[in-house]
N, C-alpha and C. Protein backbone atom coordinates (compact mmCIF):
# COMPACT_ATOMS: atom_id res chain seq x y z
N MET A 1 100.11 85.73 125.81
CA MET A 1 100.91 86.90 125.46
C MET A 1 101.57 86.67 124.10
N PHE A 2 101.95 87.73 123.49
CA PHE A 2 102.64 87.62 122.21
C PHE A 2 103.90 88.46 122.23
N GLY A 3 104.84 88.11 121.34
CA GLY A 3 106.12 88.79 121.32
C GLY A 3 106.13 90.01 120.42
N ASN A 4 107.27 90.67 120.42
CA ASN A 4 107.43 91.88 119.61
C ASN A 4 107.27 91.60 118.13
N ARG A 5 107.71 90.45 117.66
CA ARG A 5 107.59 90.11 116.24
C ARG A 5 106.12 90.10 115.82
N GLU A 6 105.29 89.46 116.61
CA GLU A 6 103.86 89.39 116.28
C GLU A 6 103.22 90.77 116.31
N LEU A 7 103.60 91.58 117.27
CA LEU A 7 103.07 92.94 117.35
C LEU A 7 103.52 93.76 116.14
N HIS A 8 104.77 93.60 115.77
CA HIS A 8 105.31 94.29 114.59
C HIS A 8 104.52 93.89 113.33
N LEU A 9 104.36 92.59 113.12
CA LEU A 9 103.61 92.12 111.95
C LEU A 9 102.20 92.68 111.94
N LEU A 10 101.55 92.68 113.08
CA LEU A 10 100.18 93.17 113.18
C LEU A 10 100.09 94.66 112.87
N LEU A 11 100.92 95.47 113.53
CA LEU A 11 100.82 96.92 113.37
C LEU A 11 101.12 97.38 111.95
N ILE A 12 102.19 96.88 111.37
CA ILE A 12 102.54 97.29 110.01
C ILE A 12 101.50 96.77 109.02
N ARG A 13 101.07 95.53 109.19
CA ARG A 13 100.07 94.95 108.29
C ARG A 13 98.78 95.75 108.31
N VAL A 14 98.29 96.07 109.49
CA VAL A 14 97.04 96.83 109.60
C VAL A 14 97.21 98.24 109.05
N TYR A 15 98.36 98.86 109.31
CA TYR A 15 98.59 100.20 108.75
C TYR A 15 98.55 100.18 107.23
N ILE A 16 99.22 99.20 106.63
CA ILE A 16 99.21 99.09 105.17
C ILE A 16 97.77 98.98 104.68
N GLY A 17 97.00 98.10 105.29
CA GLY A 17 95.62 97.92 104.86
C GLY A 17 94.79 99.18 105.00
N LEU A 18 94.86 99.82 106.15
CA LEU A 18 94.06 101.02 106.38
C LEU A 18 94.47 102.17 105.46
N ASP A 19 95.73 102.19 105.08
CA ASP A 19 96.22 103.24 104.18
C ASP A 19 95.51 103.20 102.83
N PHE A 20 94.99 102.06 102.46
CA PHE A 20 94.33 101.94 101.16
C PHE A 20 92.87 102.40 101.17
N ILE A 21 92.29 102.69 102.33
CA ILE A 21 90.88 103.10 102.38
C ILE A 21 90.63 104.32 101.50
N HIS A 22 91.41 105.36 101.69
CA HIS A 22 91.21 106.59 100.92
C HIS A 22 91.37 106.33 99.42
N HIS A 23 92.32 105.49 99.08
CA HIS A 23 92.61 105.24 97.67
C HIS A 23 91.45 104.53 96.97
N PHE A 24 90.95 103.44 97.56
CA PHE A 24 89.84 102.76 96.88
C PHE A 24 88.56 103.57 96.99
N ALA A 25 88.40 104.32 98.07
CA ALA A 25 87.18 105.12 98.23
C ALA A 25 87.04 106.18 97.15
N GLU A 26 88.15 106.81 96.78
CA GLU A 26 88.05 107.82 95.72
C GLU A 26 87.75 107.18 94.37
N LYS A 27 88.26 105.99 94.14
CA LYS A 27 88.02 105.32 92.86
C LYS A 27 86.61 104.75 92.76
N PHE A 28 85.97 104.51 93.89
CA PHE A 28 84.58 104.04 93.89
C PHE A 28 83.58 105.18 94.06
N GLY A 29 84.08 106.42 94.09
CA GLY A 29 83.20 107.58 94.21
C GLY A 29 82.68 107.82 95.60
N LEU A 30 83.29 107.22 96.61
CA LEU A 30 82.81 107.35 97.98
C LEU A 30 83.25 108.65 98.65
N LEU A 31 84.16 109.39 98.01
CA LEU A 31 84.64 110.65 98.57
C LEU A 31 84.05 111.85 97.86
N GLY A 32 83.02 111.62 97.09
CA GLY A 32 82.37 112.70 96.37
C GLY A 32 82.75 112.72 94.90
N ASP A 33 81.96 113.45 94.15
CA ASP A 33 82.13 113.48 92.71
C ASP A 33 83.44 114.13 92.28
N LYS A 34 83.86 115.19 92.98
CA LYS A 34 85.10 115.87 92.57
C LYS A 34 86.29 114.93 92.66
N ALA A 35 86.42 114.21 93.77
CA ALA A 35 87.53 113.28 93.92
C ALA A 35 87.49 112.21 92.83
N TYR A 36 86.29 111.70 92.55
CA TYR A 36 86.13 110.68 91.52
C TYR A 36 86.51 111.25 90.15
N GLN A 37 86.02 112.44 89.84
CA GLN A 37 86.32 113.05 88.53
C GLN A 37 87.81 113.36 88.39
N ASP A 38 88.45 113.77 89.47
CA ASP A 38 89.89 114.04 89.42
C ASP A 38 90.68 112.78 89.06
N VAL A 39 90.37 111.68 89.73
CA VAL A 39 91.10 110.45 89.46
C VAL A 39 90.71 109.88 88.09
N LEU A 40 89.45 110.04 87.69
CA LEU A 40 89.04 109.61 86.36
C LEU A 40 89.76 110.43 85.29
N GLY A 41 89.91 111.73 85.54
CA GLY A 41 90.65 112.58 84.61
C GLY A 41 92.08 112.12 84.45
N TYR A 42 92.71 111.72 85.55
CA TYR A 42 94.07 111.20 85.46
C TYR A 42 94.10 109.94 84.61
N PHE A 43 93.21 109.00 84.87
CA PHE A 43 93.19 107.75 84.11
C PHE A 43 92.89 108.00 82.64
N THR A 44 92.10 109.02 82.34
CA THR A 44 91.81 109.38 80.95
C THR A 44 93.08 109.81 80.24
N SER A 45 94.01 110.41 80.99
CA SER A 45 95.25 110.89 80.38
C SER A 45 96.27 109.77 80.14
N VAL A 46 96.08 108.61 80.77
CA VAL A 46 97.10 107.56 80.64
C VAL A 46 96.60 106.26 80.01
N THR A 47 95.29 106.16 79.74
CA THR A 47 94.77 104.92 79.16
C THR A 47 93.56 105.22 78.29
N SER A 48 93.31 104.32 77.36
CA SER A 48 92.15 104.48 76.48
C SER A 48 90.89 103.89 77.11
N SER A 49 91.01 103.23 78.24
CA SER A 49 89.86 102.64 78.95
C SER A 49 89.85 103.13 80.40
N PRO A 50 89.63 104.43 80.61
CA PRO A 50 89.78 104.97 81.96
C PRO A 50 88.80 104.39 82.98
N GLU A 51 87.55 104.16 82.60
CA GLU A 51 86.59 103.62 83.57
C GLU A 51 86.97 102.22 84.01
N GLN A 52 87.40 101.39 83.06
CA GLN A 52 87.79 100.03 83.39
C GLN A 52 89.06 100.01 84.26
N MET A 53 90.01 100.86 83.92
CA MET A 53 91.24 100.92 84.71
C MET A 53 90.97 101.47 86.11
N LEU A 54 90.06 102.42 86.20
CA LEU A 54 89.68 102.98 87.49
C LEU A 54 89.04 101.89 88.37
N LEU A 55 88.16 101.12 87.78
CA LEU A 55 87.53 100.02 88.51
C LEU A 55 88.57 98.97 88.93
N LEU A 56 89.44 98.61 88.01
CA LEU A 56 90.49 97.62 88.31
C LEU A 56 91.40 98.12 89.44
N ALA A 57 91.81 99.37 89.35
CA ALA A 57 92.67 99.94 90.40
C ALA A 57 91.94 99.95 91.74
N GLY A 58 90.67 100.35 91.72
CA GLY A 58 89.89 100.37 92.96
C GLY A 58 89.74 98.98 93.57
N LEU A 59 89.52 97.99 92.72
CA LEU A 59 89.40 96.61 93.22
C LEU A 59 90.73 96.11 93.80
N CYS A 60 91.84 96.46 93.14
CA CYS A 60 93.15 96.09 93.68
C CYS A 60 93.37 96.73 95.05
N GLU A 61 93.01 98.00 95.16
CA GLU A 61 93.20 98.71 96.42
C GLU A 61 92.26 98.18 97.51
N PHE A 62 91.04 97.82 97.12
CA PHE A 62 90.12 97.23 98.09
C PHE A 62 90.64 95.87 98.55
N GLY A 63 91.19 95.09 97.62
CA GLY A 63 91.79 93.80 97.97
C GLY A 63 92.97 93.97 98.93
N ALA A 64 93.78 95.00 98.69
CA ALA A 64 94.90 95.28 99.60
C ALA A 64 94.38 95.66 100.98
N PHE A 65 93.33 96.46 101.02
CA PHE A 65 92.71 96.85 102.29
C PHE A 65 92.25 95.63 103.07
N VAL A 66 91.48 94.76 102.44
CA VAL A 66 90.94 93.58 103.12
C VAL A 66 92.06 92.62 103.50
N GLY A 67 92.94 92.33 102.54
CA GLY A 67 94.00 91.35 102.78
C GLY A 67 94.94 91.75 103.91
N PHE A 68 95.34 93.01 103.92
CA PHE A 68 96.29 93.45 104.95
C PHE A 68 95.60 93.80 106.27
N THR A 69 94.49 94.51 106.22
CA THR A 69 93.84 94.92 107.47
C THR A 69 93.43 93.72 108.31
N PHE A 70 92.85 92.73 107.65
CA PHE A 70 92.33 91.57 108.38
C PHE A 70 93.25 90.36 108.33
N GLY A 71 94.33 90.45 107.57
CA GLY A 71 95.23 89.31 107.45
C GLY A 71 94.55 88.15 106.77
N LEU A 72 93.83 88.43 105.71
CA LEU A 72 93.09 87.41 104.96
C LEU A 72 93.83 87.11 103.67
N PHE A 73 94.31 85.88 103.53
CA PHE A 73 95.13 85.49 102.38
C PHE A 73 96.28 86.50 102.22
N THR A 74 96.97 86.73 103.31
CA THR A 74 97.97 87.79 103.39
C THR A 74 99.06 87.64 102.34
N ARG A 75 99.54 86.44 102.12
CA ARG A 75 100.62 86.26 101.14
C ARG A 75 100.15 86.61 99.73
N VAL A 76 98.94 86.22 99.39
CA VAL A 76 98.38 86.56 98.08
C VAL A 76 98.20 88.07 97.98
N ALA A 77 97.68 88.67 99.04
CA ALA A 77 97.50 90.13 99.07
C ALA A 77 98.84 90.84 98.94
N ALA A 78 99.87 90.28 99.56
CA ALA A 78 101.20 90.90 99.50
C ALA A 78 101.75 90.91 98.08
N VAL A 79 101.64 89.78 97.39
CA VAL A 79 102.12 89.71 96.01
C VAL A 79 101.29 90.64 95.12
N GLY A 80 99.98 90.56 95.25
CA GLY A 80 99.10 91.39 94.43
C GLY A 80 99.31 92.87 94.66
N THR A 81 99.46 93.26 95.91
CA THR A 81 99.65 94.67 96.24
C THR A 81 101.00 95.17 95.75
N ALA A 82 102.04 94.38 95.92
CA ALA A 82 103.37 94.77 95.43
C ALA A 82 103.36 94.92 93.91
N LEU A 83 102.70 94.00 93.23
CA LEU A 83 102.59 94.09 91.77
C LEU A 83 101.80 95.34 91.39
N TYR A 84 100.69 95.58 92.06
CA TYR A 84 99.87 96.77 91.79
C TYR A 84 100.68 98.05 91.99
N LEU A 85 101.42 98.14 93.10
CA LEU A 85 102.21 99.33 93.37
C LEU A 85 103.32 99.53 92.34
N THR A 86 103.90 98.43 91.88
CA THR A 86 104.93 98.52 90.85
C THR A 86 104.35 99.03 89.54
N ILE A 87 103.19 98.53 89.16
CA ILE A 87 102.52 99.02 87.95
C ILE A 87 102.15 100.49 88.12
N ALA A 88 101.62 100.85 89.29
CA ALA A 88 101.25 102.25 89.55
C ALA A 88 102.48 103.15 89.50
N LEU A 89 103.61 102.65 89.94
CA LEU A 89 104.84 103.42 89.89
C LEU A 89 105.16 103.84 88.46
N PHE A 90 104.96 102.94 87.52
CA PHE A 90 105.24 103.25 86.12
C PHE A 90 104.10 104.00 85.44
N MET A 91 102.87 103.60 85.70
CA MET A 91 101.73 104.30 85.09
C MET A 91 101.58 105.71 85.65
N GLY A 92 101.95 105.89 86.92
CA GLY A 92 101.85 107.20 87.55
C GLY A 92 103.04 108.09 87.23
N HIS A 93 103.94 107.60 86.44
CA HIS A 93 105.12 108.33 85.99
C HIS A 93 106.06 108.72 87.13
N HIS A 94 105.94 108.05 88.27
CA HIS A 94 106.86 108.33 89.37
C HIS A 94 108.29 107.97 88.96
N ASN A 95 108.42 106.98 88.10
CA ASN A 95 109.74 106.54 87.68
C ASN A 95 110.47 107.61 86.88
N THR A 96 109.75 108.56 86.28
CA THR A 96 110.40 109.61 85.49
C THR A 96 110.69 110.85 86.33
N MET A 97 110.29 110.84 87.60
CA MET A 97 110.44 112.02 88.46
C MET A 97 111.67 111.93 89.35
N GLY A 98 112.52 110.96 89.11
CA GLY A 98 113.69 110.79 89.96
C GLY A 98 113.40 109.86 91.12
N PHE A 99 114.37 109.70 91.98
CA PHE A 99 114.25 108.75 93.09
C PHE A 99 113.47 109.31 94.26
N THR A 100 113.82 110.49 94.73
CA THR A 100 113.30 111.01 95.98
C THR A 100 111.84 111.38 95.89
N TRP A 101 111.06 110.89 96.83
CA TRP A 101 109.62 111.14 96.85
C TRP A 101 109.30 112.63 96.99
N ALA A 102 110.20 113.39 97.60
CA ALA A 102 109.97 114.82 97.81
C ALA A 102 110.15 115.64 96.52
N ASN A 103 110.62 115.03 95.45
CA ASN A 103 110.76 115.74 94.18
C ASN A 103 109.39 116.22 93.71
N PRO A 104 109.34 117.31 92.95
CA PRO A 104 108.06 117.74 92.38
C PRO A 104 107.45 116.60 91.54
N GLY A 105 106.21 116.28 91.81
CA GLY A 105 105.56 115.17 91.11
C GLY A 105 105.79 113.83 91.78
N GLY A 106 106.67 113.78 92.77
CA GLY A 106 106.94 112.54 93.49
C GLY A 106 107.88 111.63 92.72
N GLY A 107 108.85 111.08 93.39
CA GLY A 107 109.76 110.13 92.77
C GLY A 107 109.28 108.71 92.99
N TRP A 108 110.12 107.76 92.61
CA TRP A 108 109.70 106.36 92.69
C TRP A 108 110.04 105.71 94.03
N GLU A 109 110.71 106.44 94.91
CA GLU A 109 111.13 105.90 96.20
C GLU A 109 109.96 105.39 97.03
N TYR A 110 108.90 106.18 97.19
CA TYR A 110 107.81 105.84 98.09
C TYR A 110 107.01 104.63 97.63
N PRO A 111 106.52 104.59 96.39
CA PRO A 111 105.79 103.38 95.99
C PRO A 111 106.69 102.14 95.97
N ALA A 112 107.96 102.30 95.65
CA ALA A 112 108.87 101.15 95.66
C ALA A 112 109.08 100.65 97.09
N LEU A 113 109.21 101.58 98.04
CA LEU A 113 109.36 101.21 99.45
C LEU A 113 108.16 100.39 99.91
N TRP A 114 106.95 100.86 99.62
CA TRP A 114 105.76 100.14 100.07
C TRP A 114 105.60 98.81 99.36
N ALA A 115 105.97 98.74 98.10
CA ALA A 115 105.92 97.45 97.40
C ALA A 115 106.87 96.46 98.07
N PHE A 116 108.05 96.91 98.43
CA PHE A 116 109.03 96.04 99.10
C PHE A 116 108.52 95.60 100.47
N ILE A 117 107.96 96.53 101.24
CA ILE A 117 107.43 96.18 102.56
C ILE A 117 106.31 95.16 102.42
N CYS A 118 105.44 95.36 101.43
CA CYS A 118 104.37 94.39 101.19
C CYS A 118 104.93 93.01 100.90
N LEU A 119 105.99 92.95 100.10
CA LEU A 119 106.58 91.66 99.75
C LEU A 119 107.14 90.91 100.96
N THR A 120 107.52 91.63 102.01
CA THR A 120 108.02 90.93 103.19
C THR A 120 106.94 90.04 103.80
N TYR A 121 105.67 90.37 103.57
CA TYR A 121 104.58 89.54 104.10
C TYR A 121 104.40 88.25 103.32
N VAL A 122 105.06 88.12 102.17
CA VAL A 122 105.09 86.83 101.48
C VAL A 122 105.90 85.85 102.34
N LEU A 123 106.94 86.35 102.98
CA LEU A 123 107.78 85.51 103.83
C LEU A 123 107.14 85.21 105.18
N THR A 124 106.47 86.19 105.76
CA THR A 124 105.98 86.04 107.13
C THR A 124 104.53 85.60 107.23
N GLY A 125 103.74 85.88 106.21
CA GLY A 125 102.30 85.67 106.32
C GLY A 125 101.70 86.73 107.22
N GLY A 126 100.45 86.56 107.59
CA GLY A 126 99.74 87.56 108.36
C GLY A 126 100.07 87.59 109.84
N GLY A 127 100.69 86.53 110.33
CA GLY A 127 101.04 86.49 111.74
C GLY A 127 99.94 85.87 112.59
N ARG A 128 100.20 85.86 113.86
CA ARG A 128 99.30 85.21 114.82
C ARG A 128 97.92 85.85 114.86
N PHE A 129 97.87 87.16 114.70
CA PHE A 129 96.61 87.88 114.80
C PHE A 129 96.09 88.22 113.41
N SER A 130 95.66 87.20 112.71
CA SER A 130 95.15 87.36 111.35
C SER A 130 94.04 86.34 111.11
N LEU A 131 93.21 86.63 110.14
CA LEU A 131 92.19 85.65 109.76
C LEU A 131 92.84 84.41 109.17
N ASP A 132 93.99 84.58 108.55
CA ASP A 132 94.72 83.42 108.03
C ASP A 132 94.93 82.38 109.13
N ARG A 133 95.34 82.83 110.30
CA ARG A 133 95.61 81.93 111.41
C ARG A 133 94.33 81.19 111.82
N LEU A 134 93.20 81.90 111.82
CA LEU A 134 91.93 81.26 112.18
C LEU A 134 91.47 80.25 111.13
N LEU A 135 91.83 80.50 109.87
CA LEU A 135 91.40 79.62 108.78
C LEU A 135 92.26 78.37 108.64
N GLN A 136 93.47 78.38 109.16
CA GLN A 136 94.42 77.28 108.94
C GLN A 136 93.84 75.89 109.21
N PRO A 137 93.14 75.67 110.31
CA PRO A 137 92.63 74.31 110.56
C PRO A 137 91.53 73.87 109.59
N HIS A 138 90.93 74.80 108.89
CA HIS A 138 89.78 74.50 108.05
C HIS A 138 90.09 74.44 106.56
N VAL A 139 91.34 74.66 106.21
CA VAL A 139 91.74 74.71 104.80
C VAL A 139 92.38 73.38 104.42
N PRO A 140 92.01 72.82 103.27
CA PRO A 140 92.64 71.57 102.83
C PRO A 140 94.16 71.74 102.69
N ASN A 141 94.87 70.65 102.89
CA ASN A 141 96.33 70.69 102.86
C ASN A 141 96.88 71.30 101.58
N ALA A 142 96.26 71.02 100.46
CA ALA A 142 96.75 71.54 99.18
C ALA A 142 96.69 73.07 99.11
N LEU A 143 95.86 73.67 99.94
CA LEU A 143 95.70 75.13 99.92
C LEU A 143 96.26 75.82 101.17
N LYS A 144 96.95 75.07 102.01
CA LYS A 144 97.48 75.64 103.26
C LYS A 144 98.42 76.82 103.00
N TRP A 145 99.12 76.81 101.88
CA TRP A 145 100.05 77.90 101.59
C TRP A 145 99.33 79.25 101.53
N LEU A 146 98.03 79.23 101.27
CA LEU A 146 97.27 80.49 101.21
C LEU A 146 97.12 81.16 102.56
N VAL A 147 97.17 80.38 103.63
CA VAL A 147 96.88 80.93 104.96
C VAL A 147 98.00 80.70 105.97
N ARG A 148 99.18 80.38 105.52
CA ARG A 148 100.29 80.19 106.47
C ARG A 148 100.90 81.50 106.83
């Protein structure tokens, strides 16, 4: 049996990971050409290398999906995802829309909240029900911090 803490870690971790499916899918063109063109159009408005930034963003989101959904290198995924969300907060101009997410254009509250929640997994790791836990006995001591 497992306790409430382990269940909490599992449910929130998996939700975070699954939440990224739609995001990386649109950036990889898996949701159709219109969705891809819409997001490419946005990146064209904020960077001189939209295709490269689109690919980079999609890879970050795919990494968040894998890391959180399966609890694979959870602490690394947590830092990377929090950093990605913080960058997206500024590149997406949420920081100029005020605090409240319900503001027109969205405020910075929502991406900041998720970045903070992701960072809590730096402290906890993936928990008992994660691939990290399965990998622990097989990882050299110098790299144990990756899967604790």
